[in-house]
């Protein structure tokens, strides 16, 4: 068991001994400022507050029952009731030694594995994937990778947009103005052209709009010809999606689009009406406030001019059509019945937060028992901005296509690699450029707090200095070059920690698992980005102050090589959890 887990387990036992009725699930230890120790727990203060006890006295009582002498120096009580823990050097060394011997890589599998559905990416059929898709795709993939790494059962589902009013216009365009040669050359560009032409026609001519609606009605009624064309559009779009996902190294367990749920939509609305959860209004059907919560907390109300007015979740439009809320309710129902998840995570931009609040509240009213068994989470994120502070576009003002963005990333990286390592064969330079370019784009997107907007900057994301993927990839490659120069070295050598830089690096390695757990708990990949950046910095300090290949004796040399090896493993595993590759040489 890792040291922080040993401390945590012993602390929970001591708390139970002092407070027999305490729920110890929130009694945790976390890394802290080194001046206070290695780990800290503030859990006793909330336990004391709930029982109107003196927190410091509770800390004294718990400390009397706490046995952690095998791994810690004397435990200190600080402030109102903080507990500070400082690891013994022997415990630190033993943990590193077991990692070097392959017993673990500073993380454990989850004690209670969860089943988690991760819904992410979700592009629309017949449209090119654009720069905005990197956010949902990258964040969702990093979350599914991290959750899997920790032993959770993950079901990833790409809920593509393959249904809706746009298909009436696409079908009309396909039948009347399709260029087959262009469709074979670039299917998505041709489908995009069809939509733009017909959409412009419909805006200008009501008769064209009626034609498009007629095509949509035929599709919805199951017309064989329109269904065949629609399926071909989906297949062509999926080919584009698969190409992009292949480049990004992203995989899904399922791709169940909106259309998959069509058979159940009518029944969902009927059930909502029967149960009195939804009602008709102006020809439409919606879910309204039931007055069970204060107006400020009620997602079905909105304040206009100082007055709270209804803001319902529509589940059937006045023309009889269904919408996202109807589909999403059917989707939750299907996922619960099919996969029995503990949690469903939606990685969708923050502009949809109102939709998800209404969706989750509606589901809780519709299926209250099921809602108690599953945690529904909207993982929101901000926008990608250009240097001008506006949403990132091409110079001509068009949306940046994701494929073009990835091409440019690789091209820019290739120029850097060619300048830095002209001696490498061309094929190797191209492979390094691919890994660096794609990694740079992914990392720049994962690094900010996901709910913040960020400014897209090629210079920053491809820099070899600062908190970037190339900096971390270079740190890994540099360690691999140490081993090439070493030629020999025992990675399972006896580890000794003497210098401050060795101790600092070792202690940071120990926090890898805690960081992964924080990412999984709070669904924030930026925690891992920052951990790896700090790891690379601590390794640099160690390498500059503690000679490795020119160490004074062979035992020190081998011990430091082992520390280098562990750092490389954590860098590689951490980047892999973010969906980023590494190279042996840069």
Protein backbone atom coordinates (compact mmCIF):
# COMPACT_ATOMS: atom_id res chain seq x y z
CA UNK A 1 0.00 0.00 0.00
CA UNK A 2 1.31 3.45 -0.91
CA UNK A 3 2.31 5.69 2.05
CA UNK A 4 -0.53 8.19 1.70
CA UNK A 5 -2.99 5.28 1.58
CA UNK A 6 -1.45 3.79 4.72
CA UNK A 7 -1.75 7.14 6.49
CA UNK A 8 -5.31 7.62 5.26
CA UNK A 9 -6.39 4.13 6.34
CA UNK A 10 -4.82 4.53 9.79
CA UNK A 11 -6.37 8.00 10.19
CA UNK A 12 -9.83 6.69 9.31
CA UNK A 13 -9.44 3.90 11.87
CA UNK A 14 -8.36 6.43 14.52
CA UNK A 15 -11.34 8.68 13.73
CA UNK A 16 -13.72 5.72 14.04
CA UNK A 17 -12.09 4.98 17.40
CA UNK A 18 -12.69 8.54 18.61
CA UNK A 19 -16.12 9.02 16.94
CA UNK A 20 -17.89 5.72 16.48
CA UNK A 21 -20.69 7.26 14.36
CA UNK A 22 -18.41 9.17 11.99
CA UNK A 23 -18.59 8.73 8.21
CA UNK A 24 -14.88 8.44 7.45
CA UNK A 25 -15.22 8.44 3.65
CA UNK A 26 -14.31 12.15 3.63
CA UNK A 27 -11.31 11.65 5.96
CA UNK A 28 -8.57 12.04 3.37
CA UNK A 29 -4.94 13.11 3.24
CA UNK A 30 -3.58 15.32 0.50
CA UNK A 31 -0.17 16.77 -0.45
CA UNK A 32 0.61 20.07 1.24
CA UNK A 33 3.13 22.89 1.32
CA UNK A 34 6.53 21.26 2.03
CA UNK A 35 7.15 23.63 4.95
CA UNK A 36 4.29 21.91 6.81
CA UNK A 37 5.12 18.34 5.78
CA UNK A 38 4.40 15.96 2.94
CA UNK A 39 0.69 15.36 3.56
CA UNK A 40 -2.07 17.06 5.46
CA UNK A 41 -5.65 16.37 6.54
CA UNK A 42 -8.24 19.00 7.43
CA UNK A 43 -11.10 16.50 7.83
CA UNK A 44 -11.28 16.74 11.62
CA UNK A 45 -12.48 20.33 11.56
CA UNK A 46 -15.69 19.57 9.67
CA UNK A 47 -16.32 16.50 11.84
CA UNK A 48 -15.88 18.61 14.97
CA UNK A 49 -18.07 21.44 13.64
CA UNK A 50 -20.94 19.03 12.88
CA UNK A 51 -20.80 17.77 16.48
CA UNK A 52 -20.08 21.16 18.11
CA UNK A 53 -16.76 19.83 19.41
CA UNK A 54 -13.46 21.65 19.83
CA UNK A 55 -11.57 20.66 16.64
CA UNK A 56 -8.15 20.86 18.25
CA UNK A 57 -9.28 18.63 21.13
CA UNK A 58 -10.70 16.16 18.61
CA UNK A 59 -7.32 16.20 16.83
CA UNK A 60 -5.62 15.36 20.15
CA UNK A 61 -8.09 12.52 20.77
CA UNK A 62 -7.60 11.11 17.26
CA UNK A 63 -3.83 11.45 17.51
CA UNK A 64 -3.86 9.32 20.66
CA UNK A 65 -5.39 6.47 18.63
CA UNK A 66 -3.33 7.03 15.45
CA UNK A 67 -0.56 4.59 14.58
CA UNK A 68 1.53 5.68 11.58
CA UNK A 69 5.03 5.40 13.06
CA UNK A 70 6.05 2.90 10.38
CA UNK A 71 5.83 5.53 7.65
CA UNK A 72 5.79 8.93 9.39
CA UNK A 73 7.76 11.08 11.73
CA UNK A 74 5.85 12.51 14.68
CA UNK A 75 2.46 13.82 13.48
CA UNK A 76 1.88 17.51 14.18
CA UNK A 77 -1.36 19.33 14.97
CA UNK A 78 -1.50 22.77 13.38
CA UNK A 79 -3.96 25.65 13.57
CA UNK A 80 -7.52 24.79 14.47
CA UNK A 81 -7.06 21.07 13.87
CA UNK A 82 -4.96 20.33 10.80
CA UNK A 83 -2.87 17.16 10.94
CA UNK A 84 0.52 17.36 9.22
CA UNK A 85 2.41 14.22 8.20
CA UNK A 86 6.07 13.99 7.22
CA UNK A 87 7.26 10.75 5.63
CA UNK A 88 10.23 8.89 6.99
CA UNK A 89 13.07 8.65 4.48
CA UNK A 90 12.95 4.85 4.82
CA UNK A 91 9.27 4.76 3.79
CA UNK A 92 9.98 7.03 0.83
CA UNK A 93 12.92 4.91 -0.32
CA UNK A 94 10.96 1.68 0.12
CA UNK A 95 8.12 3.01 -2.04
CA UNK A 96 10.50 4.06 -4.80
CA UNK A 97 12.27 0.71 -4.61
CA UNK A 98 9.02 -1.22 -5.03
CA UNK A 99 8.12 1.00 -8.01
CA UNK A 100 11.57 0.39 -9.55
CA UNK A 101 10.98 -3.35 -9.07
CA UNK A 102 7.71 -3.05 -11.02
CA UNK A 103 5.23 -3.44 -8.15
CA UNK A 104 3.40 -0.20 -9.02
CA UNK A 105 3.86 3.22 -10.60
CA UNK A 106 2.76 5.30 -7.60
CA UNK A 107 -0.96 4.66 -8.11
CA UNK A 108 -3.43 1.98 -7.06
CA UNK A 109 -6.53 0.76 -8.82
CA UNK A 110 -9.74 2.15 -7.33
CA UNK A 111 -10.99 0.34 -4.21
CA UNK A 112 -14.56 0.68 -5.48
CA UNK A 113 -14.49 0.71 -9.30
CA UNK A 114 -17.34 2.64 -10.91
CA UNK A 115 -19.08 2.13 -14.22
CA UNK A 116 -18.91 5.47 -16.03
CA UNK A 117 -20.42 6.43 -19.38
CA UNK A 118 -18.39 9.21 -21.01
CA UNK A 119 -20.31 11.04 -23.75
CA UNK A 120 -17.94 13.20 -25.79
CA UNK A 121 -16.96 14.65 -29.18
CA UNK A 122 -20.44 14.35 -30.83
CA UNK A 123 -19.84 15.97 -34.25
CA UNK A 124 -22.66 16.51 -36.73
CA UNK A 125 -23.12 14.37 -39.82
CA UNK A 126 -22.45 16.08 -43.18
CA UNK A 127 -20.34 18.80 -41.59
CA UNK A 128 -16.55 18.98 -41.25
CA UNK A 129 -15.16 18.62 -37.75
CA UNK A 130 -13.88 22.05 -36.71
CA UNK A 131 -11.42 23.44 -34.17
CA UNK A 132 -14.08 23.51 -31.45
CA UNK A 133 -14.30 19.71 -31.58
CA UNK A 134 -10.76 19.43 -30.19
CA UNK A 135 -12.12 20.54 -26.80
CA UNK A 136 -14.81 17.92 -26.25
CA UNK A 137 -12.75 15.23 -27.98
CA UNK A 138 -9.51 15.90 -26.08
CA UNK A 139 -11.07 16.42 -22.66
CA UNK A 140 -13.36 13.41 -23.04
CA UNK A 141 -10.53 11.16 -24.19
CA UNK A 142 -8.25 12.26 -21.32
CA UNK A 143 -11.04 11.52 -18.83
CA UNK A 144 -11.80 8.08 -20.25
CA UNK A 145 -8.08 7.19 -20.29
CA UNK A 146 -7.55 8.33 -16.70
CA UNK A 147 -10.65 6.54 -15.43
CA UNK A 148 -9.60 3.32 -17.18
CA UNK A 149 -6.07 3.63 -15.79
CA UNK A 150 -7.52 3.72 -12.27
CA UNK A 151 -9.53 0.56 -12.89
CA UNK A 152 -12.99 2.02 -13.52
CA UNK A 153 -15.22 0.45 -16.17
CA UNK A 154 -15.66 3.09 -18.87
CA UNK A 155 -18.18 3.06 -21.70
CA UNK A 156 -17.39 5.80 -24.20
CA UNK A 157 -20.21 6.85 -26.52
CA UNK A 158 -19.97 9.27 -29.43
CA UNK A 159 -23.51 10.72 -29.61
CA UNK A 160 -23.23 12.04 -33.18
CA UNK A 161 -25.78 14.48 -34.65
CA UNK A 162 -27.33 12.31 -37.37
CA UNK A 163 -30.95 13.52 -37.27
CA UNK A 164 -32.82 16.78 -37.54
CA UNK A 165 -34.25 19.43 -39.83
CA UNK A 166 -30.97 19.96 -41.72
CA UNK A 167 -31.44 16.62 -43.47
CA UNK A 168 -34.47 17.90 -45.41
CA UNK A 169 -32.21 20.50 -47.06
CA UNK A 170 -29.39 18.00 -47.55
CA UNK A 171 -31.72 15.48 -49.20
CA UNK A 172 -33.09 18.16 -51.53
CA UNK A 173 -29.56 19.23 -52.46
CA UNK A 174 -28.45 15.63 -52.96
CA UNK A 175 -31.31 14.95 -55.39
CA UNK A 176 -31.02 18.17 -57.37
CA UNK A 177 -27.47 19.56 -57.39
CA UNK A 178 -25.12 16.76 -56.23
CA UNK A 179 -21.73 16.61 -57.97
CA UNK A 180 -20.77 12.93 -57.78
CA UNK A 181 -17.14 13.57 -58.75
CA UNK A 182 -16.75 16.11 -55.93
CA UNK A 183 -18.49 13.74 -53.52
CA UNK A 184 -15.85 11.11 -54.29
CA UNK A 185 -13.02 13.62 -54.04
CA UNK A 186 -14.10 15.32 -50.76
CA UNK A 187 -17.46 14.07 -49.51
CA UNK A 188 -17.77 16.43 -46.55
CA UNK A 189 -16.93 19.53 -48.60
CA UNK A 190 -19.58 18.54 -51.15
CA UNK A 191 -22.22 17.88 -48.47
CA UNK A 192 -21.37 21.24 -46.91
CA UNK A 193 -21.82 22.91 -50.31
CA UNK A 194 -25.22 21.24 -50.80
CA UNK A 195 -26.45 22.49 -47.46
CA UNK A 196 -25.23 26.06 -48.00
CA UNK A 197 -26.81 26.36 -51.46
CA UNK A 198 -30.19 24.93 -50.42
CA UNK A 199 -30.21 26.84 -47.14
CA UNK A 200 -29.68 30.11 -49.04
CA UNK A 201 -32.48 29.11 -51.45
CA UNK A 202 -34.83 28.35 -48.55
CA UNK A 203 -34.12 31.71 -46.91
CA UNK A 204 -35.01 33.49 -50.14
CA UNK A 205 -37.88 31.32 -51.37
CA UNK A 206 -40.63 29.85 -49.13
CA UNK A 207 -41.47 27.30 -51.81
CA UNK A 208 -37.95 25.83 -51.60
CA UNK A 209 -38.31 25.58 -47.83
CA UNK A 210 -41.53 23.60 -48.31
CA UNK A 211 -39.69 21.25 -50.70
CA UNK A 212 -37.02 20.67 -48.06
CA UNK A 213 -39.64 20.05 -45.38
CA UNK A 214 -41.33 17.54 -47.66
CA UNK A 215 -38.07 15.60 -48.03
CA UNK A 216 -37.64 15.61 -44.25
CA UNK A 217 -41.19 14.33 -43.69
CA UNK A 218 -40.50 11.47 -46.13
CA UNK A 219 -37.31 10.59 -44.25
CA UNK A 220 -39.11 10.66 -40.92
CA UNK A 221 -41.85 8.44 -42.36
CA UNK A 222 -39.27 5.84 -43.40
CA UNK A 223 -39.22 6.46 -47.17
CA UNK A 224 -36.77 3.88 -48.61
CA UNK A 225 -35.04 6.23 -51.07
CA UNK A 226 -34.48 9.05 -48.58
CA UNK A 227 -33.39 6.59 -45.90
CA UNK A 228 -30.78 5.11 -48.27
CA UNK A 229 -29.37 8.57 -49.08
CA UNK A 230 -29.35 9.52 -45.37
CA UNK A 231 -27.44 6.33 -44.52
CA UNK A 232 -24.89 7.09 -47.24
CA UNK A 233 -24.39 10.59 -45.78
CA UNK A 234 -23.74 9.03 -42.36
CA UNK A 235 -21.28 6.50 -43.78
CA UNK A 236 -19.35 9.22 -45.64
CA UNK A 237 -19.27 11.38 -42.50
CA UNK A 238 -18.14 8.47 -40.34
CA UNK A 239 -15.21 7.94 -42.70
CA UNK A 240 -14.12 11.55 -42.05
CA UNK A 241 -14.64 11.16 -38.30
CA UNK A 242 -12.61 7.94 -38.25
CA UNK A 243 -9.72 9.62 -40.08
CA UNK A 244 -9.58 12.46 -37.54
CA UNK A 245 -9.99 10.14 -34.55
CA UNK A 246 -7.29 7.87 -35.96
CA UNK A 247 -4.86 10.80 -36.10
CA UNK A 248 -5.78 11.82 -32.56
CA UNK A 249 -5.59 8.26 -31.21
CA UNK A 250 -9.18 8.47 -29.91
CA UNK A 251 -11.43 5.42 -29.71
CA UNK A 252 -15.07 4.92 -28.74
CA UNK A 253 -16.88 1.85 -27.49
CA UNK A 254 -20.12 2.98 -29.14
CA UNK A 255 -21.29 5.54 -31.70
CA UNK A 256 -25.01 5.72 -31.04
CA UNK A 257 -26.28 8.82 -32.80
CA UNK A 258 -29.44 10.79 -32.12
CA UNK A 259 -31.38 8.71 -34.67
CA UNK A 260 -30.82 5.53 -32.64
CA UNK A 261 -33.30 6.79 -30.03
CA UNK A 262 -36.11 7.80 -32.44
CA UNK A 263 -38.28 4.71 -31.72
CA UNK A 264 -38.67 5.73 -28.06
CA UNK A 265 -39.29 9.48 -28.31
CA UNK A 266 -43.07 9.34 -28.60
CA UNK A 267 -43.28 7.01 -25.60
CA UNK A 268 -41.08 9.33 -23.53
CA UNK A 269 -43.37 12.30 -24.13
CA UNK A 270 -46.50 10.22 -23.55
CA UNK A 271 -45.13 8.99 -20.22
CA UNK A 272 -44.18 12.50 -19.13
CA UNK A 273 -47.74 13.65 -19.93
CA UNK A 274 -49.35 10.67 -18.18
CA UNK A 275 -47.31 11.27 -15.03
CA UNK A 276 -48.20 14.96 -15.04
CA UNK A 277 -44.55 15.98 -15.36
CA UNK A 278 -45.07 17.63 -18.76
CA UNK A 279 -48.06 19.55 -20.07
CA UNK A 280 -49.24 21.09 -23.31
CA UNK A 281 -48.77 24.80 -23.88
CA UNK A 282 -49.45 26.71 -27.11
CA UNK A 283 -49.44 23.45 -29.08
CA UNK A 284 -46.09 22.29 -27.69
CA UNK A 285 -45.31 20.02 -24.75
CA UNK A 286 -42.93 21.13 -22.01
CA UNK A 287 -41.78 20.47 -18.47
CA UNK A 288 -42.50 23.47 -16.25
CA UNK A 289 -41.58 24.49 -12.71
CA UNK A 290 -43.35 22.48 -10.03
CA UNK A 291 -42.65 25.09 -7.36
CA UNK A 292 -40.63 22.66 -5.24
CA UNK A 293 -37.54 24.89 -4.99
CA UNK A 294 -37.03 28.65 -4.52
CA UNK A 295 -37.18 30.62 -7.79
CA UNK A 296 -33.44 31.40 -7.74
CA UNK A 297 -32.68 27.66 -7.71
CA UNK A 298 -35.41 26.67 -10.16
CA UNK A 299 -34.00 25.79 -13.58
CA UNK A 300 -37.47 26.06 -15.13
CA UNK A 301 -37.79 29.76 -14.27
CA UNK A 302 -35.93 32.79 -15.60
CA UNK A 303 -35.89 36.34 -14.26
CA UNK A 304 -37.06 38.93 -16.78
CA UNK A 305 -37.42 42.55 -15.71
CA UNK A 306 -37.51 41.56 -12.06
CA UNK A 307 -40.21 38.93 -12.51
CA UNK A 308 -39.80 35.13 -12.50
CA UNK A 309 -41.36 33.69 -15.64
CA UNK A 310 -41.56 30.11 -17.00
CA UNK A 311 -38.59 28.77 -18.94
CA UNK A 312 -39.75 25.22 -19.68
CA UNK A 313 -37.82 22.29 -21.11
CA UNK A 314 -39.67 21.56 -24.36
CA UNK A 315 -40.00 17.87 -25.22
CA UNK A 316 -42.30 18.19 -28.24
CA UNK A 317 -42.49 21.16 -30.56
CA UNK A 318 -45.76 22.69 -31.77
CA UNK A 319 -45.26 21.01 -35.18
CA UNK A 320 -45.10 17.61 -33.45
CA UNK A 321 -41.32 17.22 -33.80
CA UNK A 322 -39.05 16.21 -30.97
CA UNK A 323 -35.85 17.95 -29.82
CA UNK A 324 -32.58 17.46 -27.95
CA UNK A 325 -34.24 17.18 -24.54
CA UNK A 326 -36.53 14.37 -25.72
CA UNK A 327 -33.62 12.51 -27.29
CA UNK A 328 -31.40 13.02 -24.26
CA UNK A 329 -34.07 11.70 -21.89
CA UNK A 330 -34.43 8.58 -24.04
CA UNK A 331 -30.63 8.28 -24.10
CA UNK A 332 -30.33 8.35 -20.30
CA UNK A 333 -33.10 5.76 -20.03
CA UNK A 334 -31.36 3.49 -22.57
CA UNK A 335 -27.95 3.82 -20.92
CA UNK A 336 -29.33 2.99 -17.49
CA UNK A 337 -31.19 -0.06 -18.75
CA UNK A 338 -28.31 -1.28 -20.91
CA UNK A 339 -25.15 -0.49 -18.94
CA UNK A 340 -26.30 0.28 -15.35
CA UNK A 341 -23.73 3.08 -14.90
CA UNK A 342 -22.93 4.76 -11.60
CA UNK A 343 -22.18 7.96 -13.47
CA UNK A 344 -22.87 9.53 -16.87
CA UNK A 345 -20.49 12.31 -17.90
CA UNK A 346 -21.34 14.73 -20.74
CA UNK A 347 -18.35 16.61 -22.16
CA UNK A 348 -20.15 19.49 -23.86
CA UNK A 349 -19.36 23.20 -23.98
CA UNK A 350 -20.57 25.51 -21.23
CA UNK A 351 -23.09 27.23 -23.50
CA UNK A 352 -25.24 24.11 -23.07
CA UNK A 353 -25.25 24.31 -19.25
CA UNK A 354 -28.89 25.45 -19.10
CA UNK A 355 -29.96 22.51 -21.27
CA UNK A 356 -28.22 20.00 -18.98
CA UNK A 357 -29.60 21.54 -15.80
CA UNK A 358 -33.13 21.17 -17.19
CA UNK A 359 -32.38 17.70 -18.54
CA UNK A 360 -31.07 16.39 -15.21
CA UNK A 361 -33.95 18.00 -13.26
CA UNK A 362 -36.51 16.58 -15.70
CA UNK A 363 -35.05 13.09 -15.46
CA UNK A 364 -35.08 13.27 -11.64
CA UNK A 365 -38.82 14.04 -11.75
CA UNK A 366 -39.53 11.43 -14.43
CA UNK A 367 -37.57 8.53 -12.88
CA UNK A 368 -36.78 9.51 -9.27
CA UNK A 369 -35.62 6.04 -8.16
CA UNK A 370 -33.28 5.65 -11.13
CA UNK A 371 -32.01 9.20 -10.66
CA UNK A 372 -30.88 8.36 -7.12
CA UNK A 373 -28.69 5.54 -8.45
CA UNK A 374 -26.81 7.49 -11.11
CA UNK A 375 -24.76 10.67 -10.99
CA UNK A 376 -25.33 12.88 -14.04
CA UNK A 377 -22.51 15.33 -14.69
CA UNK A 378 -22.07 18.08 -17.27
CA UNK A 379 -18.35 18.62 -17.88
CA UNK A 380 -18.48 22.08 -19.42
CA UNK A 381 -15.70 23.97 -21.16
CA UNK A 382 -14.96 27.40 -22.57
CA UNK A 383 -14.15 28.65 -26.07
CA UNK A 384 -10.96 28.77 -28.12
CA UNK A 385 -10.14 32.40 -28.87
CA UNK A 386 -7.92 34.11 -31.44
CA UNK A 387 -5.38 36.83 -30.68
CA UNK A 388 -8.15 39.39 -31.21
CA UNK A 389 -10.11 37.99 -28.26
CA UNK A 390 -12.84 36.64 -30.55
CA UNK A 391 -13.62 32.98 -31.32
CA UNK A 392 -10.73 31.44 -33.29
CA UNK A 393 -11.34 31.68 -37.08
CA UNK A 394 -9.35 31.60 -40.30
CA UNK A 395 -8.11 34.91 -41.74
CA UNK A 396 -11.11 34.93 -44.06
CA UNK A 397 -13.42 34.57 -41.06
CA UNK A 398 -14.36 30.93 -41.68
CA UNK A 399 -14.45 28.20 -39.04
CA UNK A 400 -11.08 26.43 -38.75
CA UNK A 401 -11.42 22.81 -39.90
CA UNK A 402 -9.90 20.35 -37.47
CA UNK A 403 -8.12 18.37 -40.18
CA UNK A 404 -6.46 21.56 -41.48
CA UNK A 405 -5.44 22.52 -37.94
CA UNK A 406 -3.76 19.14 -37.36
CA UNK A 407 -1.98 19.40 -40.74
CA UNK A 408 -0.62 22.81 -39.81
CA UNK A 409 0.49 21.56 -36.39
CA UNK A 410 2.56 18.80 -37.99
CA UNK A 411 3.99 21.16 -40.63
CA UNK A 412 5.09 23.71 -38.05
CA UNK A 413 6.57 21.00 -35.85
CA UNK A 414 8.48 19.56 -38.83
CA UNK A 415 10.20 22.92 -39.42
CA UNK A 416 11.32 22.99 -35.77
CA UNK A 417 12.55 19.38 -35.87
CA UNK A 418 14.42 19.98 -39.14
CA UNK A 419 16.22 22.96 -37.56
CA UNK A 420 17.03 21.18 -34.29
CA UNK A 421 17.92 17.73 -35.64
CA UNK A 422 18.90 17.98 -39.33
CA UNK A 423 21.00 14.81 -39.01
CA UNK A 424 17.96 12.58 -38.49
CA UNK A 425 16.46 10.66 -41.45
CA UNK A 426 13.45 12.34 -43.06
CA UNK A 427 11.01 9.60 -42.03
CA UNK A 428 12.11 9.91 -38.41
CA UNK A 429 11.80 13.72 -38.52
CA UNK A 430 8.25 13.39 -39.87
CA UNK A 431 7.27 10.92 -37.14
CA UNK A 432 8.72 13.18 -34.43
CA UNK A 433 6.88 16.15 -35.98
CA UNK A 434 3.61 14.20 -35.97
CA UNK A 435 3.95 13.33 -32.29
CA UNK A 436 5.07 16.85 -31.29
CA UNK A 437 2.53 18.71 -33.43
CA UNK A 438 -0.52 16.71 -32.36
CA UNK A 439 0.65 16.57 -28.74
CA UNK A 440 1.13 20.35 -28.69
CA UNK A 441 -2.45 21.01 -29.86
CA UNK A 442 -3.95 18.52 -27.39
CA UNK A 443 -1.92 19.73 -24.42
CA UNK A 444 -2.61 23.42 -25.06
CA UNK A 445 -6.30 22.57 -24.94
CA UNK A 446 -6.09 20.44 -21.79
CA UNK A 447 -3.81 22.77 -19.80
CA UNK A 448 -6.22 25.62 -18.90
CA UNK A 449 -9.01 25.23 -16.40
CA UNK A 450 -11.50 23.65 -18.81
CA UNK A 451 -14.18 26.25 -18.08
CA UNK A 452 -11.90 29.10 -19.11
CA UNK A 453 -11.64 30.46 -22.63
CA UNK A 454 -8.07 30.34 -23.91
CA UNK A 455 -6.14 32.08 -26.68
CA UNK A 456 -4.83 29.82 -29.43
CA UNK A 457 -1.12 30.51 -30.01
CA UNK A 458 1.12 28.37 -32.21
CA UNK A 459 4.27 29.91 -30.73
CA UNK A 460 3.29 29.10 -27.15
CA UNK A 461 2.04 25.58 -27.75
CA UNK A 462 5.07 24.49 -29.80
CA UNK A 463 7.66 26.08 -27.48
CA UNK A 464 10.31 23.83 -25.96
CA UNK A 465 10.23 25.97 -22.81
CA UNK A 466 7.31 26.58 -20.49
CA UNK A 467 4.28 24.45 -19.71
CA UNK A 468 3.88 22.77 -23.12
CA UNK A 469 3.74 19.24 -24.50
CA UNK A 470 7.05 19.65 -26.39
CA UNK A 471 8.76 20.61 -23.11
CA UNK A 472 7.47 17.45 -21.43
CA UNK A 473 8.22 15.29 -24.47
CA UNK A 474 11.73 16.74 -24.54
CA UNK A 475 12.19 15.93 -20.84
CA UNK A 476 11.26 12.32 -21.60
CA UNK A 477 13.56 12.16 -24.64
CA UNK A 478 16.41 13.64 -22.60
CA UNK A 479 16.08 10.87 -20.02
CA UNK A 480 16.10 8.27 -22.78
CA UNK A 481 19.31 9.85 -24.14
CA UNK A 482 20.88 9.47 -20.67
CA UNK A 483 20.24 5.73 -20.87
CA UNK A 484 21.65 5.54 -24.41
CA UNK A 485 24.83 7.19 -23.14
CA UNK A 486 24.89 5.04 -20.01
CA UNK A 487 24.79 1.85 -22.11
CA UNK A 488 24.47 -0.11 -18.87
CA UNK A 489 22.53 0.63 -15.74
CA UNK A 490 20.49 -1.33 -13.24
CA UNK A 491 16.99 0.16 -13.16
CA UNK A 492 16.26 -2.02 -10.12
CA UNK A 493 19.35 -0.85 -8.28
CA UNK A 494 19.18 -0.03 -4.60
CA UNK A 495 17.76 3.47 -4.34
CA UNK A 496 19.42 5.91 -1.99
CA UNK A 497 18.18 9.45 -1.47
CA UNK A 498 20.65 11.90 -0.01
CA UNK A 499 20.61 15.21 -1.90
CA UNK A 500 17.66 17.58 -1.42
CA UNK A 501 16.93 17.48 -5.16
CA UNK A 502 16.67 13.68 -5.03
CA UNK A 503 14.25 13.84 -2.12
CA UNK A 504 12.14 16.56 -3.78
CA UNK A 505 11.88 14.59 -7.03
CA UNK A 506 11.10 11.35 -5.18
CA UNK A 507 8.31 12.94 -3.14
CA UNK A 508 6.76 14.44 -6.26
CA UNK A 509 6.76 11.02 -7.95
CA UNK A 510 4.76 9.69 -5.00
CA UNK A 511 1.96 12.16 -5.75
CA UNK A 512 1.28 10.81 -9.24
CA UNK A 513 -1.56 8.57 -8.05
CA UNK A 514 -3.17 11.32 -5.97
CA UNK A 515 -3.13 13.54 -9.07
CA UNK A 516 -4.79 10.87 -11.21
CA UNK A 517 -7.46 10.41 -8.52
CA UNK A 518 -8.09 14.17 -8.43
CA UNK A 519 -8.51 14.23 -12.24
CA UNK A 520 -11.00 11.34 -12.02
CA UNK A 521 -12.89 12.86 -9.09
CA UNK A 522 -13.17 16.44 -10.36
CA UNK A 523 -12.98 15.63 -14.09
CA UNK A 524 -10.21 18.17 -14.68
CA UNK A 525 -7.27 17.00 -16.85
CA UNK A 526 -5.38 20.26 -16.20
CA UNK A 527 -4.41 18.87 -12.77
CA UNK A 528 -2.35 16.22 -14.53
CA UNK A 529 -0.83 18.74 -16.96
CA UNK A 530 0.42 20.87 -14.07
CA UNK A 531 1.69 17.83 -12.14
CA UNK A 532 3.77 16.68 -15.14
CA UNK A 533 5.14 20.18 -15.71
CA UNK A 534 6.26 20.33 -12.09
CA UNK A 535 7.74 16.84 -12.41
CA UNK A 536 9.80 17.88 -15.43
CA UNK A 537 11.00 20.97 -13.54
CA UNK A 538 11.98 18.95 -10.47
CA UNK A 539 13.80 16.46 -12.70
CA UNK A 540 15.75 19.29 -14.35
CA UNK A 541 16.81 20.58 -10.93
CA UNK A 542 17.85 17.07 -9.90
CA UNK A 543 19.79 16.46 -13.13
CA UNK A 544 21.63 19.79 -12.92
CA UNK A 545 22.63 19.31 -9.28
CA UNK A 546 23.11 15.55 -9.01
CA UNK A 547 25.53 14.07 -11.58
CA UNK A 548 24.12 10.84 -12.96
CA UNK A 549 26.58 9.34 -15.44
CA UNK A 550 29.52 11.01 -13.69
CA UNK A 551 28.40 10.18 -10.17
CA UNK A 552 31.22 9.54 -7.68
CA UNK A 553 30.58 5.81 -7.37
CA UNK A 554 28.68 3.08 -9.18
CA UNK A 555 26.03 2.64 -6.46
CA UNK A 556 25.10 6.35 -6.62
CA UNK A 557 25.17 6.24 -10.44
CA UNK A 558 22.79 3.27 -10.55
CA UNK A 559 20.50 4.73 -7.88
CA UNK A 560 20.23 7.98 -9.85
CA UNK A 561 19.66 6.09 -13.09
CA UNK A 562 16.81 4.25 -11.37
CA UNK A 563 15.34 7.60 -10.32
CA UNK A 564 15.67 8.81 -13.94
CA UNK A 565 13.91 5.66 -15.11
CA UNK A 566 10.98 6.15 -12.74
CA UNK A 567 10.62 9.77 -13.84
CA UNK A 568 10.54 8.69 -17.49
CA UNK A 569 7.87 6.06 -16.74
CA UNK A 570 5.66 8.57 -14.94
CA UNK A 571 6.10 11.17 -17.69
CA UNK A 572 5.18 8.62 -20.35
CA UNK A 573 2.21 7.21 -18.40
CA UNK A 574 0.97 10.68 -17.48
CA UNK A 575 1.14 11.93 -21.06
CA UNK A 576 -0.53 8.73 -22.25
CA UNK A 577 -3.39 9.43 -19.84
CA UNK A 578 -3.76 12.78 -21.63
CA UNK A 579 -3.75 11.05 -25.02
CA UNK A 580 -0.25 12.34 -25.89
CA UNK A 581 2.56 10.22 -27.32
CA UNK A 582 6.29 10.45 -26.60
CA UNK A 583 9.39 9.90 -28.73
CA UNK A 584 12.78 8.48 -27.73
CA UNK A 585 14.67 11.22 -29.54
CA UNK A 586 13.97 14.85 -30.42
